[in-house]
Amino acid sequence: MTPPTNLLQGTLDLLILKALTLEEMHGLGIARRIEQITRDAFEVKAGSLFPALHRLEEAGWLSAVWGESENNRRAKYYRLTRAGRAQLKTETAEWGRISVAIAFALRAS
């Protein structure tokens, strides 16, 4: 197995938005979902995750409510807002454009 890779700046927000497309989740659930959807390429640490969640909530892309986790612990559950879904669409398109451009650059002679 390949060790986890450091996230490129700006990609954590995109991955958080993507992780929340199916259902609301608490922070640990979001971190696990990111590991799952990236096939363990990215491991998100709490020190990066929670500031990003706060930033996305402040931007209006996530909403959050307190609830009880599967372990009977108090946890903050996050969900995508309509603005968050629009932002995910925008960032997905931008990421696709960037990845194609980098692929072209790497194949250039």
N, C-alpha and C. Protein backbone atom coordinates (compact mmCIF):
# COMPACT_ATOMS: atom_id res chain seq x y z
N MET A 1 0.84 -1.18 0.00
CA MET A 1 0.00 0.00 0.00
C MET A 1 0.88 1.24 0.00
N THR A 2 0.49 2.22 -0.81
CA THR A 2 1.21 3.48 -0.90
C THR A 2 0.86 4.34 0.31
N PRO A 3 1.86 4.98 0.93
CA PRO A 3 1.55 5.84 2.08
C PRO A 3 0.70 7.03 1.67
N PRO A 4 -0.11 7.58 2.62
CA PRO A 4 -0.94 8.74 2.28
C PRO A 4 -0.11 9.88 1.75
N THR A 5 -0.72 10.67 0.88
CA THR A 5 -0.08 11.81 0.24
C THR A 5 -0.57 13.10 0.89
N ASN A 6 0.29 14.11 0.91
CA ASN A 6 -0.14 15.42 1.40
C ASN A 6 -1.13 16.03 0.42
N LEU A 7 -2.16 16.66 0.96
CA LEU A 7 -3.15 17.31 0.11
C LEU A 7 -2.58 18.58 -0.48
N LEU A 8 -2.88 18.83 -1.74
CA LEU A 8 -2.52 20.10 -2.35
C LEU A 8 -3.41 21.18 -1.76
N GLN A 9 -2.86 22.37 -1.65
CA GLN A 9 -3.63 23.47 -1.09
C GLN A 9 -4.93 23.67 -1.86
N GLY A 10 -6.01 23.77 -1.16
CA GLY A 10 -7.31 23.98 -1.79
C GLY A 10 -8.10 22.72 -2.07
N THR A 11 -7.43 21.57 -2.08
CA THR A 11 -8.15 20.34 -2.41
C THR A 11 -8.96 19.80 -1.24
N LEU A 12 -8.57 20.14 -0.01
CA LEU A 12 -9.32 19.65 1.14
C LEU A 12 -10.76 20.15 1.10
N ASP A 13 -10.96 21.40 0.77
CA ASP A 13 -12.32 21.94 0.70
C ASP A 13 -13.15 21.15 -0.32
N LEU A 14 -12.57 20.90 -1.47
CA LEU A 14 -13.27 20.15 -2.52
C LEU A 14 -13.62 18.75 -2.02
N LEU A 15 -12.69 18.09 -1.36
CA LEU A 15 -12.94 16.73 -0.88
C LEU A 15 -14.00 16.70 0.23
N ILE A 16 -14.01 17.70 1.08
CA ILE A 16 -15.05 17.78 2.12
C ILE A 16 -16.42 17.95 1.47
N LEU A 17 -16.51 18.86 0.52
CA LEU A 17 -17.79 19.07 -0.17
C LEU A 17 -18.25 17.78 -0.85
N LYS A 18 -17.32 17.10 -1.48
CA LYS A 18 -17.66 15.84 -2.17
C LYS A 18 -18.09 14.77 -1.16
N ALA A 19 -17.40 14.68 -0.04
CA ALA A 19 -17.72 13.66 0.98
C ALA A 19 -19.13 13.83 1.52
N LEU A 20 -19.64 15.04 1.48
CA LEU A 20 -20.96 15.30 2.06
C LEU A 20 -22.09 15.27 1.04
N THR A 21 -21.84 14.80 -0.16
CA THR A 21 -22.89 14.81 -1.19
C THR A 21 -24.00 13.82 -0.90
N LEU A 22 -23.70 12.73 -0.22
CA LEU A 22 -24.71 11.70 0.00
C LEU A 22 -25.50 11.88 1.28
N GLU A 23 -24.84 12.33 2.34
CA GLU A 23 -25.52 12.43 3.63
C GLU A 23 -24.73 13.35 4.56
N GLU A 24 -25.39 13.80 5.62
CA GLU A 24 -24.68 14.60 6.62
C GLU A 24 -23.78 13.69 7.43
N MET A 25 -22.70 14.24 7.91
CA MET A 25 -21.71 13.47 8.68
C MET A 25 -21.05 14.35 9.72
N HIS A 26 -20.50 13.71 10.75
CA HIS A 26 -19.67 14.43 11.71
C HIS A 26 -18.23 14.39 11.22
N GLY A 27 -17.35 15.13 11.89
CA GLY A 27 -15.98 15.29 11.43
C GLY A 27 -15.25 13.98 11.17
N LEU A 28 -15.32 13.07 12.11
CA LEU A 28 -14.62 11.79 11.93
C LEU A 28 -15.18 11.03 10.73
N GLY A 29 -16.50 11.09 10.56
CA GLY A 29 -17.12 10.44 9.41
C GLY A 29 -16.64 11.04 8.09
N ILE A 30 -16.49 12.36 8.08
CA ILE A 30 -16.00 13.04 6.87
C ILE A 30 -14.57 12.59 6.57
N ALA A 31 -13.73 12.54 7.60
CA ALA A 31 -12.33 12.10 7.39
C ALA A 31 -12.28 10.68 6.85
N ARG A 32 -13.11 9.81 7.41
CA ARG A 32 -13.15 8.41 6.93
C ARG A 32 -13.66 8.33 5.49
N ARG A 33 -14.67 9.14 5.18
CA ARG A 33 -15.22 9.12 3.82
C ARG A 33 -14.18 9.61 2.81
N ILE A 34 -13.41 10.63 3.18
CA ILE A 34 -12.37 11.11 2.27
C ILE A 34 -11.33 10.02 2.04
N GLU A 35 -10.94 9.32 3.09
CA GLU A 35 -9.99 8.21 2.92
C GLU A 35 -10.58 7.17 1.97
N GLN A 36 -11.88 6.87 2.16
CA GLN A 36 -12.53 5.86 1.33
C GLN A 36 -12.59 6.28 -0.14
N ILE A 37 -13.05 7.51 -0.40
CA ILE A 37 -13.25 7.92 -1.79
C ILE A 37 -11.93 8.22 -2.50
N THR A 38 -10.85 8.41 -1.74
CA THR A 38 -9.53 8.61 -2.37
C THR A 38 -8.70 7.33 -2.32
N ARG A 39 -9.35 6.24 -1.92
CA ARG A 39 -8.68 4.93 -1.82
C ARG A 39 -7.42 5.03 -0.96
N ASP A 40 -7.58 5.69 0.18
CA ASP A 40 -6.53 5.86 1.19
C ASP A 40 -5.33 6.70 0.73
N ALA A 41 -5.49 7.43 -0.35
CA ALA A 41 -4.39 8.30 -0.81
C ALA A 41 -4.24 9.50 0.12
N PHE A 42 -5.37 9.95 0.71
CA PHE A 42 -5.33 11.13 1.58
C PHE A 42 -5.85 10.77 2.97
N GLU A 43 -5.06 11.14 3.97
CA GLU A 43 -5.45 10.97 5.36
C GLU A 43 -5.60 12.38 5.94
N VAL A 44 -6.80 12.72 6.37
CA VAL A 44 -7.06 14.08 6.84
C VAL A 44 -6.94 14.12 8.36
N LYS A 45 -6.06 14.96 8.83
CA LYS A 45 -5.84 15.14 10.27
C LYS A 45 -6.84 16.15 10.82
N ALA A 46 -7.17 15.97 12.10
CA ALA A 46 -8.13 16.86 12.76
C ALA A 46 -7.68 18.32 12.70
N GLY A 47 -6.38 18.55 12.80
CA GLY A 47 -5.85 19.91 12.77
C GLY A 47 -6.07 20.62 11.45
N SER A 48 -6.29 19.87 10.39
CA SER A 48 -6.62 20.45 9.08
C SER A 48 -8.12 20.42 8.83
N LEU A 49 -8.75 19.35 9.28
CA LEU A 49 -10.17 19.15 8.97
C LEU A 49 -11.07 20.19 9.65
N PHE A 50 -10.92 20.36 10.95
CA PHE A 50 -11.87 21.21 11.65
C PHE A 50 -11.76 22.69 11.28
N PRO A 51 -10.58 23.23 11.06
CA PRO A 51 -10.53 24.61 10.54
C PRO A 51 -11.19 24.73 9.16
N ALA A 52 -11.02 23.70 8.33
CA ALA A 52 -11.65 23.73 7.00
C ALA A 52 -13.17 23.67 7.13
N LEU A 53 -13.67 22.82 8.03
CA LEU A 53 -15.12 22.74 8.23
C LEU A 53 -15.66 24.09 8.70
N HIS A 54 -14.95 24.71 9.61
CA HIS A 54 -15.37 26.03 10.10
C HIS A 54 -15.37 27.05 8.97
N ARG A 55 -14.32 27.02 8.15
CA ARG A 55 -14.22 27.96 7.02
C ARG A 55 -15.37 27.74 6.03
N LEU A 56 -15.70 26.48 5.74
CA LEU A 56 -16.77 26.18 4.78
C LEU A 56 -18.14 26.56 5.35
N GLU A 57 -18.29 26.39 6.66
CA GLU A 57 -19.54 26.80 7.31
C GLU A 57 -19.67 28.33 7.25
N GLU A 58 -18.57 29.03 7.52
CA GLU A 58 -18.59 30.50 7.47
C GLU A 58 -18.91 31.00 6.06
N ALA A 59 -18.47 30.26 5.05
CA ALA A 59 -18.73 30.65 3.66
C ALA A 59 -20.18 30.36 3.25
N GLY A 60 -20.90 29.61 4.09
CA GLY A 60 -22.28 29.26 3.78
C GLY A 60 -22.42 28.02 2.92
N TRP A 61 -21.33 27.29 2.77
CA TRP A 61 -21.37 26.09 1.93
C TRP A 61 -21.75 24.85 2.73
N LEU A 62 -21.65 24.92 4.05
CA LEU A 62 -22.09 23.84 4.94
C LEU A 62 -22.98 24.44 6.01
N SER A 63 -23.90 23.62 6.49
CA SER A 63 -24.63 23.97 7.71
C SER A 63 -24.34 22.86 8.71
N ALA A 64 -24.50 23.15 9.98
CA ALA A 64 -24.15 22.17 11.00
C ALA A 64 -25.15 22.20 12.15
N VAL A 65 -25.38 21.04 12.72
CA VAL A 65 -26.23 20.92 13.91
C VAL A 65 -25.55 19.92 14.85
N TRP A 66 -25.77 20.13 16.13
CA TRP A 66 -25.23 19.19 17.10
C TRP A 66 -26.16 17.99 17.22
N GLY A 67 -25.56 16.81 17.34
CA GLY A 67 -26.33 15.58 17.49
C GLY A 67 -25.54 14.57 18.29
N GLU A 68 -26.02 13.36 18.26
CA GLU A 68 -25.36 12.28 19.00
C GLU A 68 -24.76 11.30 18.00
N SER A 69 -23.50 10.94 18.20
CA SER A 69 -22.82 10.02 17.29
C SER A 69 -23.24 8.58 17.56
N GLU A 70 -22.75 7.69 16.72
CA GLU A 70 -23.03 6.26 16.88
C GLU A 70 -22.44 5.71 18.18
N ASN A 71 -21.51 6.46 18.78
CA ASN A 71 -20.89 6.07 20.04
C ASN A 71 -21.50 6.82 21.23
N ASN A 72 -22.68 7.39 21.01
CA ASN A 72 -23.39 8.15 22.05
C ASN A 72 -22.59 9.35 22.55
N ARG A 73 -21.82 9.96 21.66
CA ARG A 73 -21.07 11.16 21.99
C ARG A 73 -21.68 12.34 21.25
N ARG A 74 -21.53 13.50 21.86
CA ARG A 74 -22.01 14.71 21.22
C ARG A 74 -21.11 15.01 20.03
N ALA A 75 -21.70 15.26 18.88
CA ALA A 75 -20.91 15.53 17.67
C ALA A 75 -21.65 16.54 16.81
N LYS A 76 -20.89 17.32 16.09
CA LYS A 76 -21.46 18.31 15.17
C LYS A 76 -21.59 17.66 13.79
N TYR A 77 -22.79 17.66 13.27
CA TYR A 77 -23.06 17.05 11.97
C TYR A 77 -23.15 18.14 10.90
N TYR A 78 -22.45 17.89 9.80
CA TYR A 78 -22.38 18.87 8.71
C TYR A 78 -23.16 18.35 7.50
N ARG A 79 -23.77 19.29 6.78
CA ARG A 79 -24.43 18.95 5.53
C ARG A 79 -24.18 20.05 4.51
N LEU A 80 -24.26 19.67 3.25
CA LEU A 80 -24.09 20.64 2.16
C LEU A 80 -25.31 21.55 2.09
N THR A 81 -25.08 22.81 1.86
CA THR A 81 -26.17 23.74 1.57
C THR A 81 -26.32 23.81 0.05
N ARG A 82 -27.33 24.50 -0.40
CA ARG A 82 -27.51 24.70 -1.84
C ARG A 82 -26.28 25.41 -2.41
N ALA A 83 -25.79 26.41 -1.68
CA ALA A 83 -24.59 27.14 -2.13
C ALA A 83 -23.37 26.20 -2.14
N GLY A 84 -23.33 25.27 -1.20
CA GLY A 84 -22.23 24.29 -1.16
C GLY A 84 -22.25 23.36 -2.36
N ARG A 85 -23.45 22.96 -2.77
CA ARG A 85 -23.56 22.10 -3.97
C ARG A 85 -23.11 22.88 -5.21
N ALA A 86 -23.47 24.14 -5.28
CA ALA A 86 -23.03 24.97 -6.41
C ALA A 86 -21.51 25.13 -6.39
N GLN A 87 -20.96 25.32 -5.19
CA GLN A 87 -19.50 25.47 -5.07
C GLN A 87 -18.79 24.18 -5.47
N LEU A 88 -19.35 23.04 -5.06
CA LEU A 88 -18.77 21.75 -5.45
C LEU A 88 -18.75 21.62 -6.97
N LYS A 89 -19.81 22.01 -7.62
CA LYS A 89 -19.87 21.93 -9.09
C LYS A 89 -18.79 22.82 -9.70
N THR A 90 -18.66 24.04 -9.19
CA THR A 90 -17.66 24.98 -9.71
C THR A 90 -16.25 24.45 -9.49
N GLU A 91 -15.97 23.99 -8.26
CA GLU A 91 -14.62 23.51 -7.95
C GLU A 91 -14.28 22.22 -8.70
N THR A 92 -15.28 21.36 -8.93
CA THR A 92 -15.05 20.13 -9.71
C THR A 92 -14.65 20.48 -11.13
N ALA A 93 -15.34 21.43 -11.73
CA ALA A 93 -15.00 21.84 -13.10
C ALA A 93 -13.61 22.46 -13.15
N GLU A 94 -13.28 23.27 -12.15
CA GLU A 94 -11.96 23.91 -12.12
C GLU A 94 -10.87 22.86 -11.93
N TRP A 95 -11.10 21.89 -11.06
CA TRP A 95 -10.11 20.83 -10.83
C TRP A 95 -9.90 20.03 -12.12
N GLY A 96 -10.96 19.74 -12.84
CA GLY A 96 -10.83 19.02 -14.10
C GLY A 96 -10.00 19.80 -15.10
N ARG A 97 -10.24 21.11 -15.18
CA ARG A 97 -9.48 21.96 -16.11
C ARG A 97 -7.99 21.97 -15.73
N ILE A 98 -7.70 22.08 -14.43
CA ILE A 98 -6.31 22.11 -13.97
C ILE A 98 -5.62 20.77 -14.22
N SER A 99 -6.30 19.67 -13.92
CA SER A 99 -5.65 18.37 -14.09
C SER A 99 -5.35 18.07 -15.55
N VAL A 100 -6.22 18.50 -16.46
CA VAL A 100 -5.95 18.33 -17.89
C VAL A 100 -4.75 19.18 -18.30
N ALA A 101 -4.70 20.40 -17.81
CA ALA A 101 -3.59 21.29 -18.16
C ALA A 101 -2.25 20.72 -17.65
N ILE A 102 -2.25 20.19 -16.45
CA ILE A 102 -1.01 19.61 -15.90
C ILE A 102 -0.62 18.36 -16.69
N ALA A 103 -1.61 17.55 -17.07
CA ALA A 103 -1.30 16.36 -17.87
C ALA A 103 -0.67 16.76 -19.20
N PHE A 104 -1.20 17.80 -19.85
CA PHE A 104 -0.60 18.29 -21.09
C PHE A 104 0.83 18.76 -20.85
N ALA A 105 1.03 19.49 -19.76
CA ALA A 105 2.37 20.02 -19.46
C ALA A 105 3.37 18.89 -19.24
N LEU A 106 2.95 17.83 -18.54
CA LEU A 106 3.87 16.73 -18.26
C LEU A 106 4.21 15.91 -19.50
N ARG A 107 3.32 15.92 -20.48
CA ARG A 107 3.58 15.18 -21.71
C ARG A 107 4.35 16.01 -22.74
N ALA A 108 4.48 17.29 -22.49
CA ALA A 108 5.17 18.17 -23.44
C ALA A 108 6.65 17.82 -23.51
N SER A 109 7.21 17.98 -24.69
CA SER A 109 8.64 17.70 -24.83
C SER A 109 9.41 18.97 -25.09
